[in-house]
Amino acid sequence: MRLLATHSTLLLFAIAIGVTTAPAVMAQTPPHAVVHLTNVPPGALLWVDQRQVRSGPARPLRLQPGRHRLQVEARGRRPWIQIVDLEPGEEVVLPVELGEPRPARSTFWLVSGIVATVLGVGAEALALVLTNKANDEYRGSDGYNRYRNGAIASHVTAGVLGLAAGVSFYLYFSGASSSVAYRPDPGGGVLTASFHF
């Protein structure tokens, strides 16, 4: 017991005068780097290393030193992506420059694709009806030739409408812009259209 008290007294004395028996090891964490993003539009989403951090106005980001992937997204705009290498204690200002607004999809292409599909299905149904009628007639008769020619014309029309529907849907899903303007040609009265891709 007396030995323990002597040891405690010596330890308190050593601490009081600043002497310790083991070197003090202080774990130092590297200071954070600070990133300021400017020009962030209201409602934009902010991602750091592919994790959403927040939405709304940008406040400074405190990040660990090292490489980070920053991304800002806003509705209707192309995203801004930046890779940064940050040093401990570094402070960086990055202007966010979102891409041009994405062109709105034209409902014209969607509607024309649907209309062409419906008309194509109707033309093919008519072709099948005319083919059945032609099969009921004698080969070489006037009724047979009339129904047969009508069926061929309906098949061709259905194919053309199917192609038109395919092109319309392709233009809609590929994001062709919405400016389709029909205007009469002053020279001949023909309608002309301008398409922008």
C-alpha atoms as a PDB file:
ATOM      1  CA  MET A   1       0.000   0.000   0.000  1.00  0.00           C
ATOM      2  CA  ARG A   2       2.799   2.348   0.886  1.00  0.00           C
ATOM      3  CA  LEU A   3       4.541   1.515  -2.414  1.00  0.00           C
ATOM      4  CA  LEU A   4       1.396   2.435  -4.374  1.00  0.00           C
ATOM      5  CA  ALA A   5       1.083   5.771  -2.614  1.00  0.00           C
ATOM      6  CA  THR A   6       4.741   6.553  -3.341  1.00  0.00           C
ATOM      7  CA  HIS A   7       4.279   5.705  -7.012  1.00  0.00           C
ATOM      8  CA  SER A   8       1.161   7.912  -7.229  1.00  0.00           C
ATOM      9  CA  THR A   9       2.953  10.792  -5.540  1.00  0.00           C
ATOM     10  CA  LEU A  10       5.870  10.540  -7.963  1.00  0.00           C
ATOM     11  CA  LEU A  11       3.522  10.430 -10.958  1.00  0.00           C
ATOM     12  CA  LEU A  12       1.618  13.513  -9.791  1.00  0.00           C
ATOM     13  CA  PHE A  13       4.887  15.303  -9.163  1.00  0.00           C
ATOM     14  CA  ALA A  14       6.166  14.395 -12.670  1.00  0.00           C
ATOM     15  CA  ILE A  15       2.979  15.616 -14.327  1.00  0.00           C
ATOM     16  CA  ALA A  16       3.100  18.840 -12.336  1.00  0.00           C
ATOM     17  CA  ILE A  17       6.584  19.699 -13.585  1.00  0.00           C
ATOM     18  CA  GLY A  18       5.848  18.541 -17.178  1.00  0.00           C
ATOM     19  CA  VAL A  19       7.753  15.263 -17.216  1.00  0.00           C
ATOM     20  CA  THR A  20       5.969  12.151 -18.358  1.00  0.00           C
ATOM     21  CA  THR A  21       7.147   8.591 -18.547  1.00  0.00           C
ATOM     22  CA  ALA A  22       5.817   8.084 -22.110  1.00  0.00           C
ATOM     23  CA  PRO A  23       5.781  10.571 -24.974  1.00  0.00           C
ATOM     24  CA  ALA A  24       2.332  12.011 -25.569  1.00  0.00           C
ATOM     25  CA  VAL A  25       1.001  10.906 -28.906  1.00  0.00           C
ATOM     26  CA  MET A  26      -1.684  13.201 -30.177  1.00  0.00           C
ATOM     27  CA  ALA A  27      -3.612  11.939 -33.162  1.00  0.00           C
ATOM     28  CA  GLN A  28      -3.774  14.846 -35.534  1.00  0.00           C
ATOM     29  CA  THR A  29      -6.463  14.758 -38.137  1.00  0.00           C
ATOM     30  CA  PRO A  30      -5.625  16.625 -41.282  1.00  0.00           C
ATOM     31  CA  PRO A  31      -7.651  19.812 -41.633  1.00  0.00           C
ATOM     32  CA  HIS A  32     -10.546  19.710 -44.045  1.00  0.00           C
ATOM     33  CA  ALA A  33     -10.459  21.374 -47.418  1.00  0.00           C
ATOM     34  CA  VAL A  34     -13.223  23.868 -48.156  1.00  0.00           C
ATOM     35  CA  VAL A  35     -14.928  24.119 -51.556  1.00  0.00           C
ATOM     36  CA  HIS A  36     -17.130  27.091 -52.471  1.00  0.00           C
ATOM     37  CA  LEU A  37     -19.435  26.529 -55.448  1.00  0.00           C
ATOM     38  CA  THR A  38     -20.706  29.652 -57.202  1.00  0.00           C
ATOM     39  CA  ASN A  39     -23.537  30.138 -59.721  1.00  0.00           C
ATOM     40  CA  VAL A  40     -25.559  27.199 -58.363  1.00  0.00           C
ATOM     41  CA  PRO A  41     -29.192  27.662 -59.440  1.00  0.00           C
ATOM     42  CA  PRO A  42     -31.966  27.305 -56.857  1.00  0.00           C
ATOM     43  CA  GLY A  43     -33.239  23.754 -56.504  1.00  0.00           C
ATOM     44  CA  ALA A  44     -30.094  22.198 -57.944  1.00  0.00           C
ATOM     45  CA  LEU A  45     -28.919  18.838 -56.608  1.00  0.00           C
ATOM     46  CA  LEU A  46     -25.331  18.494 -55.365  1.00  0.00           C
ATOM     47  CA  TRP A  47     -23.470  15.189 -55.438  1.00  0.00           C
ATOM     48  CA  VAL A  48     -20.045  14.466 -53.914  1.00  0.00           C
ATOM     49  CA  ASP A  49     -18.404  11.187 -54.922  1.00  0.00           C
ATOM     50  CA  GLN A  50     -21.739  10.008 -56.383  1.00  0.00           C
ATOM     51  CA  ARG A  51     -23.636  10.537 -53.106  1.00  0.00           C
ATOM     52  CA  GLN A  52     -26.283  13.231 -52.969  1.00  0.00           C
ATOM     53  CA  VAL A  53     -25.236  15.809 -50.407  1.00  0.00           C
ATOM     54  CA  ARG A  54     -28.063  18.316 -50.580  1.00  0.00           C
ATOM     55  CA  SER A  55     -30.277  20.408 -52.753  1.00  0.00           C
ATOM     56  CA  GLY A  56     -30.847  24.126 -52.675  1.00  0.00           C
ATOM     57  CA  PRO A  57     -28.443  27.033 -52.345  1.00  0.00           C
ATOM     58  CA  ALA A  58     -24.814  26.090 -52.088  1.00  0.00           C
ATOM     59  CA  ARG A  59     -23.029  26.437 -48.781  1.00  0.00           C
ATOM     60  CA  PRO A  60     -19.298  25.768 -48.500  1.00  0.00           C
ATOM     61  CA  LEU A  61     -18.389  22.089 -48.571  1.00  0.00           C
ATOM     62  CA  ARG A  62     -15.979  20.723 -45.963  1.00  0.00           C
ATOM     63  CA  LEU A  63     -14.266  17.726 -47.544  1.00  0.00           C
ATOM     64  CA  GLN A  64     -11.433  15.418 -46.560  1.00  0.00           C
ATOM     65  CA  PRO A  65      -8.198  16.008 -48.488  1.00  0.00           C
ATOM     66  CA  GLY A  66      -7.851  13.919 -51.631  1.00  0.00           C
ATOM     67  CA  ARG A  67      -9.648  13.420 -54.936  1.00  0.00           C
ATOM     68  CA  HIS A  68     -13.381  14.074 -55.147  1.00  0.00           C
ATOM     69  CA  ARG A  69     -15.980  14.049 -57.918  1.00  0.00           C
ATOM     70  CA  LEU A  70     -18.422  16.968 -57.676  1.00  0.00           C
ATOM     71  CA  GLN A  71     -21.633  17.076 -59.686  1.00  0.00           C
ATOM     72  CA  VAL A  72     -24.420  19.657 -59.834  1.00  0.00           C
ATOM     73  CA  GLU A  73     -27.713  18.854 -61.556  1.00  0.00           C
ATOM     74  CA  ALA A  74     -30.643  21.138 -62.300  1.00  0.00           C
ATOM     75  CA  ARG A  75     -33.909  20.247 -63.996  1.00  0.00           C
ATOM     76  CA  GLY A  76     -33.778  20.706 -67.741  1.00  0.00           C
ATOM     77  CA  ARG A  77     -30.013  21.466 -67.824  1.00  0.00           C
ATOM     78  CA  ARG A  78     -27.004  19.333 -68.628  1.00  0.00           C
ATOM     79  CA  PRO A  79     -25.087  18.448 -65.427  1.00  0.00           C
ATOM     80  CA  TRP A  80     -21.814  20.061 -64.333  1.00  0.00           C
ATOM     81  CA  ILE A  81     -19.136  17.554 -63.293  1.00  0.00           C
ATOM     82  CA  GLN A  82     -15.720  18.427 -61.866  1.00  0.00           C
ATOM     83  CA  ILE A  83     -12.927  16.255 -60.443  1.00  0.00           C
ATOM     84  CA  VAL A  84     -10.866  18.064 -57.784  1.00  0.00           C
ATOM     85  CA  ASP A  85      -7.717  17.119 -55.889  1.00  0.00           C
ATOM     86  CA  LEU A  86      -7.762  18.844 -52.507  1.00  0.00           C
ATOM     87  CA  GLU A  87      -4.859  19.480 -50.138  1.00  0.00           C
ATOM     88  CA  PRO A  88      -5.301  19.722 -46.350  1.00  0.00           C
ATOM     89  CA  GLY A  89      -6.533  23.189 -45.394  1.00  0.00           C
ATOM     90  CA  GLU A  90      -6.988  24.233 -49.030  1.00  0.00           C
ATOM     91  CA  GLU A  91      -9.859  26.570 -49.918  1.00  0.00           C
ATOM     92  CA  VAL A  92     -11.139  26.439 -53.509  1.00  0.00           C
ATOM     93  CA  VAL A  93     -13.765  28.490 -55.369  1.00  0.00           C
ATOM     94  CA  LEU A  94     -15.361  26.693 -58.336  1.00  0.00           C
ATOM     95  CA  PRO A  95     -17.832  28.410 -60.665  1.00  0.00           C
ATOM     96  CA  VAL A  96     -20.593  26.001 -61.670  1.00  0.00           C
ATOM     97  CA  GLU A  97     -21.379  26.204 -65.373  1.00  0.00           C
ATOM     98  CA  LEU A  98     -24.358  24.010 -66.162  1.00  0.00           C
ATOM     99  CA  GLY A  99     -24.760  22.999 -69.783  1.00  0.00           C
ATOM    100  CA  GLU A 100     -27.292  24.514 -72.123  1.00  0.00           C
ATOM    101  CA  PRO A 101     -30.910  23.670 -71.462  1.00  0.00           C
ATOM    102  CA  ARG A 102     -31.931  20.365 -72.937  1.00  0.00           C
ATOM    103  CA  PRO A 103     -34.306  20.814 -75.843  1.00  0.00           C
ATOM    104  CA  ALA A 104     -37.872  19.897 -75.001  1.00  0.00           C
ATOM    105  CA  ARG A 105     -39.179  16.851 -76.769  1.00  0.00           C
ATOM    106  CA  SER A 106     -41.609  17.747 -79.456  1.00  0.00           C
ATOM    107  CA  THR A 107     -45.065  16.319 -78.938  1.00  0.00           C
ATOM    108  CA  PHE A 108     -45.464  16.707 -82.699  1.00  0.00           C
ATOM    109  CA  TRP A 109     -43.270  13.635 -83.263  1.00  0.00           C
ATOM    110  CA  LEU A 110     -45.111  11.583 -80.678  1.00  0.00           C
ATOM    111  CA  VAL A 111     -48.549  12.489 -82.009  1.00  0.00           C
ATOM    112  CA  SER A 112     -47.536  11.915 -85.635  1.00  0.00           C
ATOM    113  CA  GLY A 113     -46.040   8.535 -84.695  1.00  0.00           C
ATOM    114  CA  ILE A 114     -49.239   7.470 -82.942  1.00  0.00           C
ATOM    115  CA  VAL A 115     -51.436   8.677 -85.833  1.00  0.00           C
ATOM    116  CA  ALA A 116     -49.238   6.908 -88.410  1.00  0.00           C
ATOM    117  CA  THR A 117     -49.368   3.701 -86.342  1.00  0.00           C
ATOM    118  CA  VAL A 118     -53.165   3.794 -86.058  1.00  0.00           C
ATOM    119  CA  LEU A 119     -53.579   4.517 -89.781  1.00  0.00           C
ATOM    120  CA  GLY A 120     -51.066   1.789 -90.648  1.00  0.00           C
ATOM    121  CA  VAL A 121     -52.947  -0.773 -88.561  1.00  0.00           C
ATOM    122  CA  GLY A 122     -56.189   0.314 -90.235  1.00  0.00           C
ATOM    123  CA  ALA A 123     -54.645   0.003 -93.705  1.00  0.00           C
ATOM    124  CA  GLU A 124     -53.342  -3.479 -92.896  1.00  0.00           C
ATOM    125  CA  ALA A 125     -56.743  -4.552 -91.559  1.00  0.00           C
ATOM    126  CA  LEU A 126     -58.351  -3.282 -94.778  1.00  0.00           C
ATOM    127  CA  ALA A 127     -55.766  -5.221 -96.794  1.00  0.00           C
ATOM    128  CA  LEU A 128     -56.689  -8.426 -94.949  1.00  0.00           C
ATOM    129  CA  VAL A 129     -60.409  -7.838 -95.563  1.00  0.00           C
ATOM    130  CA  LEU A 130     -59.789  -7.175 -99.274  1.00  0.00           C
ATOM    131  CA  THR A 131     -57.603 -10.285 -99.519  1.00  0.00           C
ATOM    132  CA  ASN A 132     -60.396 -12.431 -98.048  1.00  0.00           C
ATOM    133  CA  LYS A 133     -62.900 -10.883-100.484  1.00  0.00           C
ATOM    134  CA  ALA A 134     -60.541 -11.559-103.399  1.00  0.00           C
ATOM    135  CA  ASN A 135     -60.232 -15.200-102.296  1.00  0.00           C
ATOM    136  CA  ASP A 136     -64.034 -15.499-102.463  1.00  0.00           C
ATOM    137  CA  GLU A 137     -64.024 -14.429-106.133  1.00  0.00           C
ATOM    138  CA  TYR A 138     -62.931 -16.434-109.151  1.00  0.00           C
ATOM    139  CA  ARG A 139     -59.409 -15.795-110.386  1.00  0.00           C
ATOM    140  CA  GLY A 140     -59.417 -13.477-113.341  1.00  0.00           C
ATOM    141  CA  SER A 141     -62.835 -12.000-112.634  1.00  0.00           C
ATOM    142  CA  ASP A 142     -63.287  -8.244-112.299  1.00  0.00           C
ATOM    143  CA  GLY A 143     -64.152  -8.553-108.585  1.00  0.00           C
ATOM    144  CA  TYR A 144     -61.020 -10.640-107.923  1.00  0.00           C
ATOM    145  CA  ASN A 145     -58.706  -8.116-109.648  1.00  0.00           C
ATOM    146  CA  ARG A 146     -60.384  -5.148-107.935  1.00  0.00           C
ATOM    147  CA  TYR A 147     -60.067  -6.700-104.418  1.00  0.00           C
ATOM    148  CA  ARG A 148     -56.543  -7.968-105.113  1.00  0.00           C
ATOM    149  CA  ASN A 149     -55.300  -4.558-106.296  1.00  0.00           C
ATOM    150  CA  GLY A 150     -56.976  -2.866-103.313  1.00  0.00           C
ATOM    151  CA  ALA A 151     -55.283  -5.340-100.952  1.00  0.00           C
ATOM    152  CA  ILE A 152     -51.860  -4.685-102.514  1.00  0.00           C
ATOM    153  CA  ALA A 153     -52.361  -0.909-102.268  1.00  0.00           C
ATOM    154  CA  SER A 154     -53.433  -1.257 -98.632  1.00  0.00           C
ATOM    155  CA  HIS A 155     -50.370  -3.406 -97.812  1.00  0.00           C
ATOM    156  CA  VAL A 156     -48.069  -0.810 -99.389  1.00  0.00           C
ATOM    157  CA  THR A 157     -49.852   2.030 -97.569  1.00  0.00           C
ATOM    158  CA  ALA A 158     -49.519   0.152 -94.262  1.00  0.00           C
ATOM    159  CA  GLY A 159     -45.778  -0.290 -94.898  1.00  0.00           C
ATOM    160  CA  VAL A 160     -45.267   3.397 -95.681  1.00  0.00           C
ATOM    161  CA  LEU A 161     -47.245   4.412 -92.594  1.00  0.00           C
ATOM    162  CA  GLY A 162     -45.222   1.958 -90.489  1.00  0.00           C
ATOM    163  CA  LEU A 163     -42.009   3.554 -91.755  1.00  0.00           C
ATOM    164  CA  ALA A 164     -43.378   7.032 -91.013  1.00  0.00           C
ATOM    165  CA  ALA A 165     -44.346   5.914 -87.495  1.00  0.00           C
ATOM    166  CA  GLY A 166     -40.859   4.490 -86.925  1.00  0.00           C
ATOM    167  CA  VAL A 167     -39.171   7.707 -88.038  1.00  0.00           C
ATOM    168  CA  SER A 168     -41.532   9.799 -85.897  1.00  0.00           C
ATOM    169  CA  PHE A 169     -40.882   7.705 -82.787  1.00  0.00           C
ATOM    170  CA  TYR A 170     -37.143   7.773 -83.462  1.00  0.00           C
ATOM    171  CA  LEU A 171     -37.195  11.574 -83.683  1.00  0.00           C
ATOM    172  CA  TYR A 172     -39.264  11.822 -80.514  1.00  0.00           C
ATOM    173  CA  PHE A 173     -37.073   9.522 -78.421  1.00  0.00           C
ATOM    174  CA  SER A 174     -33.791  10.892 -79.807  1.00  0.00           C
ATOM    175  CA  GLY A 175     -34.802  14.356 -78.583  1.00  0.00           C
ATOM    176  CA  ALA A 176     -35.309  16.282 -81.818  1.00  0.00           C
ATOM    177  CA  SER A 177     -36.280  19.834 -80.958  1.00  0.00           C
ATOM    178  CA  SER A 178     -39.837  20.981 -81.022  1.00  0.00           C
ATOM    179  CA  SER A 179     -39.598  23.601 -83.729  1.00  0.00           C
ATOM    180  CA  VAL A 180     -41.594  22.193 -86.593  1.00  0.00           C
ATOM    181  CA  ALA A 181     -43.140  25.115 -88.377  1.00  0.00           C
ATOM    182  CA  TYR A 182     -45.444  24.689 -91.338  1.00  0.00           C
ATOM    183  CA  ARG A 183     -45.817  27.713 -93.498  1.00  0.00           C
ATOM    184  CA  PRO A 184     -47.153  28.197 -97.005  1.00  0.00           C
ATOM    185  CA  ASP A 185     -44.574  28.667 -99.709  1.00  0.00           C
ATOM    186  CA  PRO A 186     -45.308  32.048-101.311  1.00  0.00           C
ATOM    187  CA  GLY A 187     -44.264  30.790-104.752  1.00  0.00           C
ATOM    188  CA  GLY A 188     -46.403  27.725-105.212  1.00  0.00           C
ATOM    189  CA  GLY A 189     -48.707  27.322-102.267  1.00  0.00           C
ATOM    190  CA  VAL A 190     -46.838  24.194-101.070  1.00  0.00           C
ATOM    191  CA  LEU A 191     -46.443  23.655 -97.367  1.00  0.00           C
ATOM    192  CA  THR A 192     -42.832  23.572 -96.206  1.00  0.00           C
ATOM    193  CA  ALA A 193     -41.478  22.501 -92.850  1.00  0.00           C
ATOM    194  CA  SER A 194     -38.254  23.256 -91.024  1.00  0.00           C
ATOM    195  CA  PHE A 195     -36.868  20.582 -88.703  1.00  0.00           C
ATOM    196  CA  HIS A 196     -34.062  21.176 -86.194  1.00  0.00           C
ATOM    197  CA  PHE A 197     -32.024  18.261 -84.853  1.00  0.00           C
END
